[in-house]
């Protein structure tokens, strides 16, 4: 449902961005992850639980489509390459993973898995393209000072997937206040992207068809 919403406000951009590749590879990876199970068995609420969130639950699953997108673009299997196209690719990739994980996680009856984790995946899938687009704009506007201006953008892009894992850990460890605070921070890049796309589609929809 979120993919359809994102596609509607971002226009036709991303229609030829490897949707078949995203669904196919996402399904294969999701099945492999389901068969292999968890790579790390966490204990308690400490560091091992956070590492488990990074490897098995939040960070790595959300970053896999990013790596696949870069690889396919290098192999020239994608017709379009850009920030918005990655968001389409990642959201499609995560649909099979969400369906398969829902089956295995439903037995645990844990809201942090069934409700929070797909939201964090979505925040990373749409948030990373926000930073990529920001880097592209900085490069166009300020070429000489690109390196200095891009440092905080690179840091934000690198921190987002791990911040999402920290959100999961905080809710799992029943640190609700910290969890909500970090959760809203994690949603900021996605919120800006959604607001900008929605505003542009309402003010001048023709922008997406030129």
Protein backbone atom coordinates (compact mmCIF):
# COMPACT_ATOMS: atom_id res chain seq x y z
CA UNK A 1 0.00 0.00 0.00
CA UNK A 2 2.79 2.41 0.80
CA UNK A 3 4.50 1.59 -2.50
CA UNK A 4 1.33 2.51 -4.40
CA UNK A 5 1.06 5.75 -2.43
CA UNK A 6 4.71 6.62 -3.08
CA UNK A 7 4.34 5.78 -6.78
CA UNK A 8 1.27 7.99 -7.08
CA UNK A 9 2.90 11.10 -5.62
CA UNK A 10 6.24 10.63 -7.38
CA UNK A 11 4.72 10.38 -10.85
CA UNK A 12 5.88 8.09 -13.62
CA UNK A 13 9.48 8.33 -12.53
CA UNK A 14 10.79 4.86 -11.73
CA UNK A 15 8.40 2.82 -13.90
CA UNK A 16 11.33 1.29 -15.80
CA UNK A 17 13.68 1.08 -12.85
CA UNK A 18 13.95 -2.67 -12.61
CA UNK A 19 10.70 -3.53 -10.87
CA UNK A 20 10.88 -7.12 -12.10
CA UNK A 21 14.46 -7.38 -10.85
CA UNK A 22 13.42 -5.97 -7.48
CA UNK A 23 10.54 -8.42 -6.99
CA UNK A 24 12.52 -11.39 -8.27
CA UNK A 25 15.71 -10.80 -6.29
CA UNK A 26 13.76 -9.65 -3.23
CA UNK A 27 11.77 -12.89 -3.27
CA UNK A 28 14.89 -15.04 -3.64
CA UNK A 29 16.71 -13.27 -0.82
CA UNK A 30 13.64 -13.38 1.43
CA UNK A 31 13.27 -17.14 0.91
CA UNK A 32 16.97 -17.70 1.61
CA UNK A 33 16.78 -15.64 4.80
CA UNK A 34 13.69 -17.57 5.87
CA UNK A 35 15.40 -20.93 5.33
CA UNK A 36 18.66 -19.91 7.01
CA UNK A 37 16.99 -18.30 10.01
CA UNK A 38 18.82 -15.92 12.30
CA UNK A 39 22.57 -15.52 11.93
CA UNK A 40 22.93 -14.43 15.55
CA UNK A 41 21.15 -15.69 18.64
CA UNK A 42 20.76 -12.69 20.96
CA UNK A 43 20.75 -12.86 24.69
CA UNK A 44 18.96 -10.37 26.91
CA UNK A 45 18.62 -6.69 26.03
CA UNK A 46 22.26 -5.68 25.56
CA UNK A 47 24.69 -5.34 22.69
CA UNK A 48 23.92 -8.76 21.22
CA UNK A 49 20.27 -7.76 20.81
CA UNK A 50 21.27 -4.59 18.97
CA UNK A 51 23.67 -6.52 16.71
CA UNK A 52 20.87 -8.98 16.02
CA UNK A 53 18.66 -6.06 14.99
CA UNK A 54 21.39 -4.87 12.63
CA UNK A 55 22.11 -8.23 11.00
CA UNK A 56 18.86 -10.19 11.06
CA UNK A 57 15.99 -7.75 11.46
CA UNK A 58 16.43 -4.12 10.38
CA UNK A 59 19.72 -2.83 8.98
CA UNK A 60 20.97 -5.58 6.66
CA UNK A 61 17.54 -6.43 5.16
CA UNK A 62 16.96 -2.73 4.45
CA UNK A 63 20.42 -2.24 2.89
CA UNK A 64 20.37 -5.31 0.63
CA UNK A 65 18.24 -3.63 -2.08
CA UNK A 66 20.65 -0.69 -2.02
CA UNK A 67 23.59 -2.99 -2.78
CA UNK A 68 21.61 -4.86 -5.44
CA UNK A 69 20.59 -1.59 -7.07
CA UNK A 70 24.19 -0.41 -7.30
CA UNK A 71 25.28 -3.76 -8.74
CA UNK A 72 22.51 -3.81 -11.37
CA UNK A 73 23.22 -0.22 -12.34
CA UNK A 74 26.90 -1.07 -12.84
CA UNK A 75 25.87 -4.04 -14.99
CA UNK A 76 23.56 -1.69 -16.94
CA UNK A 77 20.48 -3.75 -16.12
CA UNK A 78 18.54 -0.66 -15.07
CA UNK A 79 17.26 1.92 -17.54
CA UNK A 80 17.16 4.74 -15.00
CA UNK A 81 19.56 5.50 -12.19
CA UNK A 82 18.73 7.98 -9.45
CA UNK A 83 17.49 8.63 -5.94
CA UNK A 84 13.79 8.28 -6.69
CA UNK A 85 14.38 5.12 -8.73
CA UNK A 86 16.15 3.53 -5.78
CA UNK A 87 13.15 4.20 -3.54
CA UNK A 88 10.87 2.41 -6.02
CA UNK A 89 13.32 -0.46 -6.31
CA UNK A 90 13.78 -0.84 -2.54
CA UNK A 91 10.07 -0.69 -1.73
CA UNK A 92 9.30 -3.38 -4.30
CA UNK A 93 12.21 -5.49 -3.02
CA UNK A 94 10.86 -5.36 0.53
CA UNK A 95 7.32 -6.51 -0.36
CA UNK A 96 8.21 -10.25 -0.57
CA UNK A 97 10.38 -9.95 2.53
CA UNK A 98 7.52 -8.37 4.45
CA UNK A 99 5.10 -11.12 3.41
CA UNK A 100 7.46 -14.00 4.24
CA UNK A 101 8.68 -12.47 7.49
CA UNK A 102 5.07 -11.83 8.58
CA UNK A 103 4.42 -15.57 8.41
CA UNK A 104 7.40 -16.46 10.59
CA UNK A 105 6.99 -13.52 12.98
CA UNK A 106 3.24 -13.93 13.53
CA UNK A 107 3.85 -16.87 15.85
CA UNK A 108 5.88 -14.65 18.19
CA UNK A 109 3.10 -12.07 18.52
CA UNK A 110 5.61 -9.25 18.98
CA UNK A 111 4.47 -5.78 17.82
CA UNK A 112 8.07 -4.65 17.41
CA UNK A 113 8.48 -7.26 14.66
CA UNK A 114 5.11 -7.21 12.94
CA UNK A 115 4.43 -3.46 13.08
CA UNK A 116 7.62 -1.55 13.84
CA UNK A 117 10.08 -3.40 11.59
CA UNK A 118 8.22 -2.78 8.28
CA UNK A 119 7.96 0.89 9.23
CA UNK A 120 11.71 1.04 9.83
CA UNK A 121 12.40 -0.71 6.52
CA UNK A 122 10.25 1.87 4.77
CA UNK A 123 11.98 4.75 6.56
CA UNK A 124 15.37 3.48 5.37
CA UNK A 125 14.16 2.70 1.83
CA UNK A 126 12.83 6.23 1.34
CA UNK A 127 15.26 8.02 3.66
CA UNK A 128 18.47 6.94 1.92
CA UNK A 129 17.34 8.40 -1.45
CA UNK A 130 16.74 11.69 0.37
CA UNK A 131 20.44 11.89 1.25
CA UNK A 132 21.45 10.77 -2.26
CA UNK A 133 19.32 13.50 -3.80
CA UNK A 134 20.78 16.02 -1.37
CA UNK A 135 24.31 15.04 -2.41
CA UNK A 136 23.41 15.50 -6.07
CA UNK A 137 22.00 18.96 -5.39
CA UNK A 138 25.06 20.00 -3.39
CA UNK A 139 27.30 18.85 -6.23
CA UNK A 140 25.37 20.97 -8.73
CA UNK A 141 25.17 24.09 -6.57
CA UNK A 142 28.57 24.11 -4.84
CA UNK A 143 31.21 22.10 -6.66
CA UNK A 144 34.24 23.62 -4.91
CA UNK A 145 32.90 23.13 -1.41
CA UNK A 146 31.26 19.82 -2.16
CA UNK A 147 33.57 17.77 0.08
CA UNK A 148 32.98 19.81 3.25
CA UNK A 149 29.24 20.20 2.67
CA UNK A 150 28.81 16.53 1.88
CA UNK A 151 30.37 15.27 5.12
CA UNK A 152 27.24 15.70 7.29
CA UNK A 153 25.13 14.23 4.49
CA UNK A 154 27.34 11.13 4.28
CA UNK A 155 27.23 10.80 8.07
CA UNK A 156 23.44 11.02 8.07
CA UNK A 157 23.17 8.46 5.29
CA UNK A 158 25.50 6.07 7.12
CA UNK A 159 23.76 6.55 10.48
CA UNK A 160 20.16 6.09 9.30
CA UNK A 161 20.12 2.25 8.97
CA UNK A 162 21.84 1.81 12.33
CA UNK A 163 19.56 4.38 13.95
CA UNK A 164 16.63 2.30 12.74
CA UNK A 165 18.14 -0.78 14.41
CA UNK A 166 18.55 1.23 17.62
CA UNK A 167 14.85 2.12 17.49
CA UNK A 168 13.95 -1.57 17.36
CA UNK A 169 16.33 -2.31 20.23
CA UNK A 170 14.90 0.52 22.35
CA UNK A 171 11.32 -0.70 22.00
CA UNK A 172 12.35 -4.31 22.57
CA UNK A 173 14.20 -3.27 25.72
CA UNK A 174 11.05 -1.39 26.84
CA UNK A 175 12.80 1.99 26.64
CA UNK A 176 9.66 3.51 25.18
CA UNK A 177 10.60 7.18 25.54
CA UNK A 178 13.94 6.72 23.83
CA UNK A 179 12.33 4.52 21.20
CA UNK A 180 9.71 7.11 20.21
CA UNK A 181 12.33 9.89 20.12
CA UNK A 182 14.67 7.95 17.84
CA UNK A 183 11.74 6.70 15.78
CA UNK A 184 10.62 10.25 14.94
CA UNK A 185 14.22 11.19 14.08
CA UNK A 186 14.42 8.17 11.77
CA UNK A 187 11.24 9.29 9.99
CA UNK A 188 12.52 12.83 9.26
CA UNK A 189 14.25 12.07 5.91
CA UNK A 190 11.26 10.06 4.70
CA UNK A 191 8.86 12.76 5.86
CA UNK A 192 10.75 15.46 3.96
CA UNK A 193 10.80 13.32 0.82
CA UNK A 194 7.08 12.59 1.07
CA UNK A 195 6.23 16.23 1.73
CA UNK A 196 8.33 17.46 -1.18
CA UNK A 197 6.94 14.88 -3.61
CA UNK A 198 3.36 15.47 -2.50
CA UNK A 199 3.75 19.25 -2.80
CA UNK A 200 5.27 19.03 -6.27
CA UNK A 201 2.61 16.61 -7.48
CA UNK A 202 -0.17 18.91 -6.22
CA UNK A 203 1.31 22.23 -7.36
CA UNK A 204 2.64 21.14 -10.75
CA UNK A 205 1.97 17.51 -11.68
CA UNK A 206 3.35 18.15 -15.19
CA UNK A 207 6.87 18.21 -13.67
CA UNK A 208 6.81 14.42 -13.58
CA UNK A 209 5.88 14.03 -17.22
CA UNK A 210 8.35 16.46 -18.86
